[in-house]
Amino acid sequence: MIEPKSSFPVFIVKDLGAAKSFYTENLGFDVVFAGDWYIHLVSSTGVQVGFMLPEQPTQPPVFQKPHSGEGVIFSLEVEDADAAFAAAKSKSLKITLELRSEDWGQRHFCIQDPNGVYLDIVQSFEPTEEYQSDYVSK
């Protein structure tokens, strides 16, 4: 069995500078690696994300094309979705889903970064009775 010790997404994007600015200035990430073709960011709580330029000769063909913006959601859990939403609005971030509460136990909103990556900013809470049985407890 493969037993991961941590995880991070890597998005293949056209503009590393825009990614660096967006995540450091708006989401509090710090740069821990910055090459010409790849940057790696880490938050103060240990959340990691990488960004790589397309068409890198060292990468296999499956890692060559830039992210299209569809089919992936990068979720970031926060303590207070209302405060995060107010911060996103005050910074004029591109909000793609207004703040709302979901019966399955999330208060969230979505933003889109300059490279088209969708971020779901999530605060968890107790789900309604209808959804409580869907959760698996260990």
C-alpha atoms as a PDB file:
ATOM      1  CA  MET A   1       0.000   0.000   0.000  1.00  0.00           C
ATOM      2  CA  ILE A   2       1.151   3.551  -0.723  1.00  0.00           C
ATOM      3  CA  GLU A   3       0.887   5.702   2.399  1.00  0.00           C
ATOM      4  CA  PRO A   4       1.150   9.433   1.619  1.00  0.00           C
ATOM      5  CA  LYS A   5       2.672  11.691   4.253  1.00  0.00           C
ATOM      6  CA  SER A   6       1.474  14.951   2.658  1.00  0.00           C
ATOM      7  CA  SER A   7      -0.100  16.258  -0.514  1.00  0.00           C
ATOM      8  CA  PHE A   8      -0.064  19.298  -2.756  1.00  0.00           C
ATOM      9  CA  PRO A   9      -1.524  20.127  -6.138  1.00  0.00           C
ATOM     10  CA  VAL A  10       0.633  21.425  -8.965  1.00  0.00           C
ATOM     11  CA  PHE A  11      -1.110  23.569 -11.542  1.00  0.00           C
ATOM     12  CA  ILE A  12       0.443  24.048 -14.962  1.00  0.00           C
ATOM     13  CA  VAL A  13      -0.132  27.734 -15.693  1.00  0.00           C
ATOM     14  CA  LYS A  14       0.996  30.326 -18.196  1.00  0.00           C
ATOM     15  CA  ASP A  15       1.893  33.078 -15.703  1.00  0.00           C
ATOM     16  CA  LEU A  16       4.027  32.180 -12.669  1.00  0.00           C
ATOM     17  CA  GLY A  17       4.329  35.826 -11.633  1.00  0.00           C
ATOM     18  CA  ALA A  18       0.559  36.244 -11.456  1.00  0.00           C
ATOM     19  CA  ALA A  19       0.255  33.037  -9.418  1.00  0.00           C
ATOM     20  CA  LYS A  20       2.987  34.149  -7.020  1.00  0.00           C
ATOM     21  CA  SER A  21       1.438  37.585  -6.510  1.00  0.00           C
ATOM     22  CA  PHE A  22      -2.117  36.298  -6.118  1.00  0.00           C
ATOM     23  CA  TYR A  23      -1.330  33.592  -3.552  1.00  0.00           C
ATOM     24  CA  THR A  24       1.187  35.597  -1.518  1.00  0.00           C
ATOM     25  CA  GLU A  25      -0.765  38.864  -1.451  1.00  0.00           C
ATOM     26  CA  ASN A  26      -4.297  37.501  -1.043  1.00  0.00           C
ATOM     27  CA  LEU A  27      -3.957  34.126   0.669  1.00  0.00           C
ATOM     28  CA  GLY A  28      -0.852  34.490   2.823  1.00  0.00           C
ATOM     29  CA  PHE A  29       1.325  31.893   1.111  1.00  0.00           C
ATOM     30  CA  ASP A  30       5.113  32.162   1.205  1.00  0.00           C
ATOM     31  CA  VAL A  31       7.446  31.190  -1.625  1.00  0.00           C
ATOM     32  CA  VAL A  32       9.734  28.296  -0.671  1.00  0.00           C
ATOM     33  CA  PHE A  33      11.072  27.602  -4.177  1.00  0.00           C
ATOM     34  CA  ALA A  34      11.183  29.962  -7.135  1.00  0.00           C
ATOM     35  CA  GLY A  35      12.768  28.743 -10.349  1.00  0.00           C
ATOM     36  CA  ASP A  36      12.344  29.981 -13.899  1.00  0.00           C
ATOM     37  CA  TRP A  37       9.771  27.272 -14.622  1.00  0.00           C
ATOM     38  CA  TYR A  38       8.316  26.280 -11.209  1.00  0.00           C
ATOM     39  CA  ILE A  39       7.331  27.917  -7.929  1.00  0.00           C
ATOM     40  CA  HIS A  40       6.287  26.213  -4.715  1.00  0.00           C
ATOM     41  CA  LEU A  41       4.261  27.994  -2.049  1.00  0.00           C
ATOM     42  CA  VAL A  42       3.413  27.098   1.548  1.00  0.00           C
ATOM     43  CA  SER A  43       0.974  28.728   3.958  1.00  0.00           C
ATOM     44  CA  SER A  44       1.723  29.302   7.631  1.00  0.00           C
ATOM     45  CA  THR A  45      -0.565  26.336   8.402  1.00  0.00           C
ATOM     46  CA  GLY A  46       1.326  24.001   6.022  1.00  0.00           C
ATOM     47  CA  VAL A  47      -0.963  24.073   2.977  1.00  0.00           C
ATOM     48  CA  GLN A  48       1.204  23.653  -0.133  1.00  0.00           C
ATOM     49  CA  VAL A  49       0.680  24.393  -3.818  1.00  0.00           C
ATOM     50  CA  GLY A  50       2.958  24.388  -6.843  1.00  0.00           C
ATOM     51  CA  PHE A  51       2.783  26.161 -10.181  1.00  0.00           C
ATOM     52  CA  MET A  52       4.700  25.104 -13.279  1.00  0.00           C
ATOM     53  CA  LEU A  53       5.026  26.628 -16.730  1.00  0.00           C
ATOM     54  CA  PRO A  54       3.753  24.522 -19.653  1.00  0.00           C
ATOM     55  CA  GLU A  55       5.944  22.784 -22.240  1.00  0.00           C
ATOM     56  CA  GLN A  56       8.822  22.008 -19.871  1.00  0.00           C
ATOM     57  CA  PRO A  57      11.255  19.652 -21.628  1.00  0.00           C
ATOM     58  CA  THR A  58      12.020  17.830 -18.366  1.00  0.00           C
ATOM     59  CA  GLN A  59       8.370  16.851 -17.927  1.00  0.00           C
ATOM     60  CA  PRO A  60       6.446  13.998 -19.587  1.00  0.00           C
ATOM     61  CA  PRO A  61       3.792  14.880 -22.198  1.00  0.00           C
ATOM     62  CA  VAL A  62       0.939  14.532 -19.679  1.00  0.00           C
ATOM     63  CA  PHE A  63       2.412  17.527 -17.766  1.00  0.00           C
ATOM     64  CA  GLN A  64       2.901  19.786 -20.796  1.00  0.00           C
ATOM     65  CA  LYS A  65      -0.412  21.579 -21.329  1.00  0.00           C
ATOM     66  CA  PRO A  66      -1.594  24.527 -19.223  1.00  0.00           C
ATOM     67  CA  HIS A  67      -4.531  24.104 -16.857  1.00  0.00           C
ATOM     68  CA  SER A  68      -7.786  24.952 -18.646  1.00  0.00           C
ATOM     69  CA  GLY A  69      -9.590  26.108 -15.491  1.00  0.00           C
ATOM     70  CA  GLU A  70     -12.184  23.335 -15.672  1.00  0.00           C
ATOM     71  CA  GLY A  71     -12.531  20.081 -13.820  1.00  0.00           C
ATOM     72  CA  VAL A  72     -10.505  21.003 -10.720  1.00  0.00           C
ATOM     73  CA  ILE A  73     -11.435  22.807  -7.515  1.00  0.00           C
ATOM     74  CA  PHE A  74      -8.680  23.822  -5.108  1.00  0.00           C
ATOM     75  CA  SER A  75     -10.432  23.937  -1.718  1.00  0.00           C
ATOM     76  CA  LEU A  76      -8.996  25.950   1.140  1.00  0.00           C
ATOM     77  CA  GLU A  77     -10.593  25.544   4.551  1.00  0.00           C
ATOM     78  CA  VAL A  78     -10.824  28.667   6.718  1.00  0.00           C
ATOM     79  CA  GLU A  79     -12.022  29.398  10.253  1.00  0.00           C
ATOM     80  CA  ASP A  80     -14.473  32.123   9.175  1.00  0.00           C
ATOM     81  CA  ALA A  81     -15.927  32.105   5.661  1.00  0.00           C
ATOM     82  CA  ASP A  82     -17.761  35.390   6.250  1.00  0.00           C
ATOM     83  CA  ALA A  83     -14.518  37.192   7.131  1.00  0.00           C
ATOM     84  CA  ALA A  84     -12.732  35.571   4.178  1.00  0.00           C
ATOM     85  CA  PHE A  85     -15.550  36.642   1.845  1.00  0.00           C
ATOM     86  CA  ALA A  86     -15.342  40.220   3.140  1.00  0.00           C
ATOM     87  CA  ALA A  87     -11.572  40.173   2.525  1.00  0.00           C
ATOM     88  CA  ALA A  88     -12.053  38.803  -1.005  1.00  0.00           C
ATOM     89  CA  LYS A  89     -14.580  41.536  -1.795  1.00  0.00           C
ATOM     90  CA  SER A  90     -12.362  44.269  -0.331  1.00  0.00           C
ATOM     91  CA  LYS A  91      -9.492  43.106  -2.573  1.00  0.00           C
ATOM     92  CA  SER A  92     -11.819  42.922  -5.619  1.00  0.00           C
ATOM     93  CA  LEU A  93     -10.979  39.260  -6.209  1.00  0.00           C
ATOM     94  CA  LYS A  94     -12.900  37.483  -8.960  1.00  0.00           C
ATOM     95  CA  ILE A  95     -15.799  35.908  -7.047  1.00  0.00           C
ATOM     96  CA  THR A  96     -17.427  33.131  -9.074  1.00  0.00           C
ATOM     97  CA  LEU A  97     -19.825  31.861  -6.393  1.00  0.00           C
ATOM     98  CA  GLU A  98     -21.302  34.121  -3.735  1.00  0.00           C
ATOM     99  CA  LEU A  99     -21.071  33.162  -0.070  1.00  0.00           C
ATOM    100  CA  ARG A 100     -23.648  30.559   0.907  1.00  0.00           C
ATOM    101  CA  SER A 101     -24.295  27.722   3.327  1.00  0.00           C
ATOM    102  CA  GLU A 102     -24.814  24.141   2.187  1.00  0.00           C
ATOM    103  CA  ASP A 103     -26.824  21.508   4.046  1.00  0.00           C
ATOM    104  CA  TRP A 104     -23.920  19.040   3.814  1.00  0.00           C
ATOM    105  CA  GLY A 105     -21.954  21.190   6.270  1.00  0.00           C
ATOM    106  CA  GLN A 106     -20.154  23.942   4.409  1.00  0.00           C
ATOM    107  CA  ARG A 107     -20.322  27.706   4.291  1.00  0.00           C
ATOM    108  CA  HIS A 108     -18.322  28.709   1.259  1.00  0.00           C
ATOM    109  CA  PHE A 109     -17.697  30.893  -1.754  1.00  0.00           C
ATOM    110  CA  CYS A 110     -15.525  30.517  -4.848  1.00  0.00           C
ATOM    111  CA  ILE A 111     -12.922  32.753  -6.412  1.00  0.00           C
ATOM    112  CA  GLN A 112     -10.831  32.369  -9.545  1.00  0.00           C
ATOM    113  CA  ASP A 113      -7.128  33.152  -9.685  1.00  0.00           C
ATOM    114  CA  PRO A 114      -5.457  34.973 -12.620  1.00  0.00           C
ATOM    115  CA  ASN A 115      -4.546  31.654 -14.292  1.00  0.00           C
ATOM    116  CA  GLY A 116      -8.114  30.315 -14.183  1.00  0.00           C
ATOM    117  CA  VAL A 117      -7.774  28.067 -11.105  1.00  0.00           C
ATOM    118  CA  TYR A 118     -11.005  27.929  -9.089  1.00  0.00           C
ATOM    119  CA  LEU A 119     -10.639  28.123  -5.318  1.00  0.00           C
ATOM    120  CA  ASP A 120     -13.435  27.047  -3.003  1.00  0.00           C
ATOM    121  CA  ILE A 121     -13.016  28.891   0.290  1.00  0.00           C
ATOM    122  CA  VAL A 122     -14.738  26.653   2.843  1.00  0.00           C
ATOM    123  CA  GLN A 123     -15.772  26.767   6.478  1.00  0.00           C
ATOM    124  CA  SER A 124     -17.094  23.473   7.844  1.00  0.00           C
ATOM    125  CA  PHE A 125     -20.012  23.176  10.247  1.00  0.00           C
ATOM    126  CA  GLU A 126     -22.417  20.499  11.455  1.00  0.00           C
ATOM    127  CA  PRO A 127     -24.433  19.136   8.488  1.00  0.00           C
ATOM    128  CA  THR A 128     -28.191  18.900   8.553  1.00  0.00           C
ATOM    129  CA  GLU A 129     -29.697  15.636   9.727  1.00  0.00           C
ATOM    130  CA  GLU A 130     -30.272  14.601   6.114  1.00  0.00           C
ATOM    131  CA  TYR A 131     -26.505  14.558   5.442  1.00  0.00           C
ATOM    132  CA  GLN A 132     -25.157  13.341   8.788  1.00  0.00           C
ATOM    133  CA  SER A 133     -25.387   9.678   7.785  1.00  0.00           C
ATOM    134  CA  ASP A 134     -23.206  10.360   4.731  1.00  0.00           C
ATOM    135  CA  TYR A 135     -20.186  11.051   6.935  1.00  0.00           C
ATOM    136  CA  VAL A 136     -18.009   8.093   7.861  1.00  0.00           C
ATOM    137  CA  SER A 137     -16.608   8.106  11.368  1.00  0.00           C
ATOM    138  CA  LYS A 138     -13.535   6.124  12.364  1.00  0.00           C
END
